[in-house]
């Protein structure tokens, strides 16, 4: 029963990471779900163990995927940053910004 309740709560909270919030309180929780989504995705793992109920495990798996959507979107957007930063910041600073962005992308995509 605990796995079912935990899976339902994690799934309900993970929806804040992908859906726009409708109230100020949900907006604050949405920021937490997006910024700390990887932590909440790790919290979904204990619900996925074999002793968990099938429905609770399915909800926890869906919640883990939804928590990781903002991370995937950020990595995809970061791949285009060097080209976007190169045009406005031409000159020596543009080279530094492009170098730093490329270094960040190498570290993230390993």
C-alpha atoms as a PDB file:
ATOM      1  CA  UNK A   1       0.000   0.000   0.000  1.00  0.00           C
ATOM      2  CA  UNK A   2       2.910   2.335   0.765  1.00  0.00           C
ATOM      3  CA  UNK A   3       4.323   1.845  -2.735  1.00  0.00           C
ATOM      4  CA  UNK A   4       0.989   2.768  -4.303  1.00  0.00           C
ATOM      5  CA  UNK A   5       0.671   5.970  -2.265  1.00  0.00           C
ATOM      6  CA  UNK A   6       4.325   6.903  -2.820  1.00  0.00           C
ATOM      7  CA  UNK A   7       4.022   6.280  -6.557  1.00  0.00           C
ATOM      8  CA  UNK A   8       0.862   8.383  -6.783  1.00  0.00           C
ATOM      9  CA  UNK A   9       2.420  11.282  -4.847  1.00  0.00           C
ATOM     10  CA  UNK A  10       5.616  11.195  -6.891  1.00  0.00           C
ATOM     11  CA  UNK A  11       3.635  11.101 -10.125  1.00  0.00           C
ATOM     12  CA  UNK A  12       1.407  13.998  -9.066  1.00  0.00           C
ATOM     13  CA  UNK A  13       4.433  16.091  -8.095  1.00  0.00           C
ATOM     14  CA  UNK A  14       6.298  15.186 -11.287  1.00  0.00           C
ATOM     15  CA  UNK A  15       3.505  16.673 -13.375  1.00  0.00           C
ATOM     16  CA  UNK A  16       4.632  20.070 -12.091  1.00  0.00           C
ATOM     17  CA  UNK A  17       7.901  19.561 -13.984  1.00  0.00           C
ATOM     18  CA  UNK A  18       6.171  19.376 -17.363  1.00  0.00           C
ATOM     19  CA  UNK A  19       2.842  21.212 -17.003  1.00  0.00           C
ATOM     20  CA  UNK A  20       2.488  24.950 -16.450  1.00  0.00           C
ATOM     21  CA  UNK A  21       1.464  25.830 -12.877  1.00  0.00           C
ATOM     22  CA  UNK A  22      -1.919  27.483 -12.306  1.00  0.00           C
ATOM     23  CA  UNK A  23      -1.300  29.046  -8.896  1.00  0.00           C
ATOM     24  CA  UNK A  24       1.586  30.748  -7.100  1.00  0.00           C
ATOM     25  CA  UNK A  25       2.073  27.853  -4.683  1.00  0.00           C
ATOM     26  CA  UNK A  26       2.249  25.411  -7.580  1.00  0.00           C
ATOM     27  CA  UNK A  27       4.679  27.757  -9.338  1.00  0.00           C
ATOM     28  CA  UNK A  28       7.101  27.520  -6.398  1.00  0.00           C
ATOM     29  CA  UNK A  29       6.736  23.731  -6.302  1.00  0.00           C
ATOM     30  CA  UNK A  30       7.214  23.641 -10.073  1.00  0.00           C
ATOM     31  CA  UNK A  31      10.586  25.334  -9.705  1.00  0.00           C
ATOM     32  CA  UNK A  32      11.606  22.717  -7.146  1.00  0.00           C
ATOM     33  CA  UNK A  33      10.439  19.885  -9.407  1.00  0.00           C
ATOM     34  CA  UNK A  34      12.394  21.271 -12.355  1.00  0.00           C
ATOM     35  CA  UNK A  35      15.591  22.227 -10.545  1.00  0.00           C
ATOM     36  CA  UNK A  36      15.780  19.142  -8.338  1.00  0.00           C
ATOM     37  CA  UNK A  37      14.162  16.695 -10.757  1.00  0.00           C
ATOM     38  CA  UNK A  38      17.168  14.414 -10.799  1.00  0.00           C
ATOM     39  CA  UNK A  39      16.956  14.055  -6.999  1.00  0.00           C
ATOM     40  CA  UNK A  40      13.254  13.258  -7.151  1.00  0.00           C
ATOM     41  CA  UNK A  41      13.951  10.755  -9.953  1.00  0.00           C
ATOM     42  CA  UNK A  42      16.372   9.006  -7.597  1.00  0.00           C
ATOM     43  CA  UNK A  43      13.675   9.020  -4.914  1.00  0.00           C
ATOM     44  CA  UNK A  44      11.489   7.046  -7.309  1.00  0.00           C
ATOM     45  CA  UNK A  45      13.964   4.140  -7.368  1.00  0.00           C
ATOM     46  CA  UNK A  46      13.013   2.541  -4.014  1.00  0.00           C
ATOM     47  CA  UNK A  47       9.427   2.274  -5.200  1.00  0.00           C
ATOM     48  CA  UNK A  48      10.629   0.286  -8.233  1.00  0.00           C
ATOM     49  CA  UNK A  49      12.133  -2.589  -6.243  1.00  0.00           C
ATOM     50  CA  UNK A  50      10.597  -6.047  -6.749  1.00  0.00           C
ATOM     51  CA  UNK A  51       8.627  -5.888  -3.515  1.00  0.00           C
ATOM     52  CA  UNK A  52       6.674  -2.935  -4.857  1.00  0.00           C
ATOM     53  CA  UNK A  53       3.187  -3.223  -6.253  1.00  0.00           C
ATOM     54  CA  UNK A  54       2.967  -3.198 -10.033  1.00  0.00           C
ATOM     55  CA  UNK A  55       0.773  -0.098 -10.175  1.00  0.00           C
ATOM     56  CA  UNK A  56       2.968   1.815  -7.724  1.00  0.00           C
ATOM     57  CA  UNK A  57       6.078   0.820  -9.656  1.00  0.00           C
ATOM     58  CA  UNK A  58       4.523   1.953 -12.946  1.00  0.00           C
ATOM     59  CA  UNK A  59       3.571   5.308 -11.443  1.00  0.00           C
ATOM     60  CA  UNK A  60       7.058   5.748  -9.980  1.00  0.00           C
ATOM     61  CA  UNK A  61       8.653   4.903 -13.333  1.00  0.00           C
ATOM     62  CA  UNK A  62       6.431   7.434 -15.109  1.00  0.00           C
ATOM     63  CA  UNK A  63       7.287  10.000 -12.436  1.00  0.00           C
ATOM     64  CA  UNK A  64      11.035   9.383 -12.872  1.00  0.00           C
ATOM     65  CA  UNK A  65      10.731   9.926 -16.628  1.00  0.00           C
ATOM     66  CA  UNK A  66       8.732  13.136 -16.124  1.00  0.00           C
ATOM     67  CA  UNK A  67      11.261  14.441 -13.610  1.00  0.00           C
ATOM     68  CA  UNK A  68      14.068  13.965 -16.149  1.00  0.00           C
ATOM     69  CA  UNK A  69      12.289  15.794 -19.012  1.00  0.00           C
ATOM     70  CA  UNK A  70      13.614  19.268 -17.985  1.00  0.00           C
ATOM     71  CA  UNK A  71      17.141  17.854 -17.799  1.00  0.00           C
ATOM     72  CA  UNK A  72      16.862  16.462 -21.329  1.00  0.00           C
ATOM     73  CA  UNK A  73      15.490  19.782 -22.572  1.00  0.00           C
ATOM     74  CA  UNK A  74      18.380  21.662 -20.949  1.00  0.00           C
ATOM     75  CA  UNK A  75      21.001  19.395 -22.531  1.00  0.00           C
ATOM     76  CA  UNK A  76      19.361  19.785 -25.943  1.00  0.00           C
ATOM     77  CA  UNK A  77      19.277  23.584 -25.586  1.00  0.00           C
ATOM     78  CA  UNK A  78      22.897  23.691 -24.373  1.00  0.00           C
ATOM     79  CA  UNK A  79      24.102  22.091 -27.597  1.00  0.00           C
ATOM     80  CA  UNK A  80      22.985  25.181 -29.517  1.00  0.00           C
ATOM     81  CA  UNK A  81      24.507  27.717 -27.127  1.00  0.00           C
ATOM     82  CA  UNK A  82      27.916  28.137 -28.814  1.00  0.00           C
ATOM     83  CA  UNK A  83      26.294  29.228 -32.069  1.00  0.00           C
ATOM     84  CA  UNK A  84      23.852  31.521 -30.272  1.00  0.00           C
ATOM     85  CA  UNK A  85      26.574  33.145 -28.158  1.00  0.00           C
ATOM     86  CA  UNK A  86      29.050  33.523 -31.002  1.00  0.00           C
ATOM     87  CA  UNK A  87      27.125  36.163 -32.962  1.00  0.00           C
ATOM     88  CA  UNK A  88      26.292  38.728 -30.234  1.00  0.00           C
ATOM     89  CA  UNK A  89      29.638  38.419 -28.494  1.00  0.00           C
ATOM     90  CA  UNK A  90      32.045  38.699 -31.379  1.00  0.00           C
ATOM     91  CA  UNK A  91      35.616  39.538 -30.581  1.00  0.00           C
ATOM     92  CA  UNK A  92      37.792  38.265 -27.726  1.00  0.00           C
ATOM     93  CA  UNK A  93      34.900  37.838 -25.273  1.00  0.00           C
ATOM     94  CA  UNK A  94      32.960  35.837 -27.824  1.00  0.00           C
ATOM     95  CA  UNK A  95      35.834  33.411 -28.125  1.00  0.00           C
ATOM     96  CA  UNK A  96      35.960  32.999 -24.343  1.00  0.00           C
ATOM     97  CA  UNK A  97      32.195  32.505 -24.106  1.00  0.00           C
ATOM     98  CA  UNK A  98      32.257  29.942 -26.918  1.00  0.00           C
ATOM     99  CA  UNK A  99      35.210  28.121 -25.348  1.00  0.00           C
ATOM    100  CA  UNK A 100      33.516  28.019 -21.942  1.00  0.00           C
ATOM    101  CA  UNK A 101      30.265  26.790 -23.434  1.00  0.00           C
ATOM    102  CA  UNK A 102      32.008  24.070 -25.428  1.00  0.00           C
ATOM    103  CA  UNK A 103      33.905  22.990 -22.310  1.00  0.00           C
ATOM    104  CA  UNK A 104      30.633  22.818 -20.372  1.00  0.00           C
ATOM    105  CA  UNK A 105      29.005  20.755 -23.118  1.00  0.00           C
ATOM    106  CA  UNK A 106      31.911  18.306 -23.120  1.00  0.00           C
ATOM    107  CA  UNK A 107      31.549  17.876 -19.371  1.00  0.00           C
ATOM    108  CA  UNK A 108      27.773  17.396 -19.520  1.00  0.00           C
ATOM    109  CA  UNK A 109      27.619  15.016 -22.478  1.00  0.00           C
ATOM    110  CA  UNK A 110      30.269  12.567 -21.307  1.00  0.00           C
END
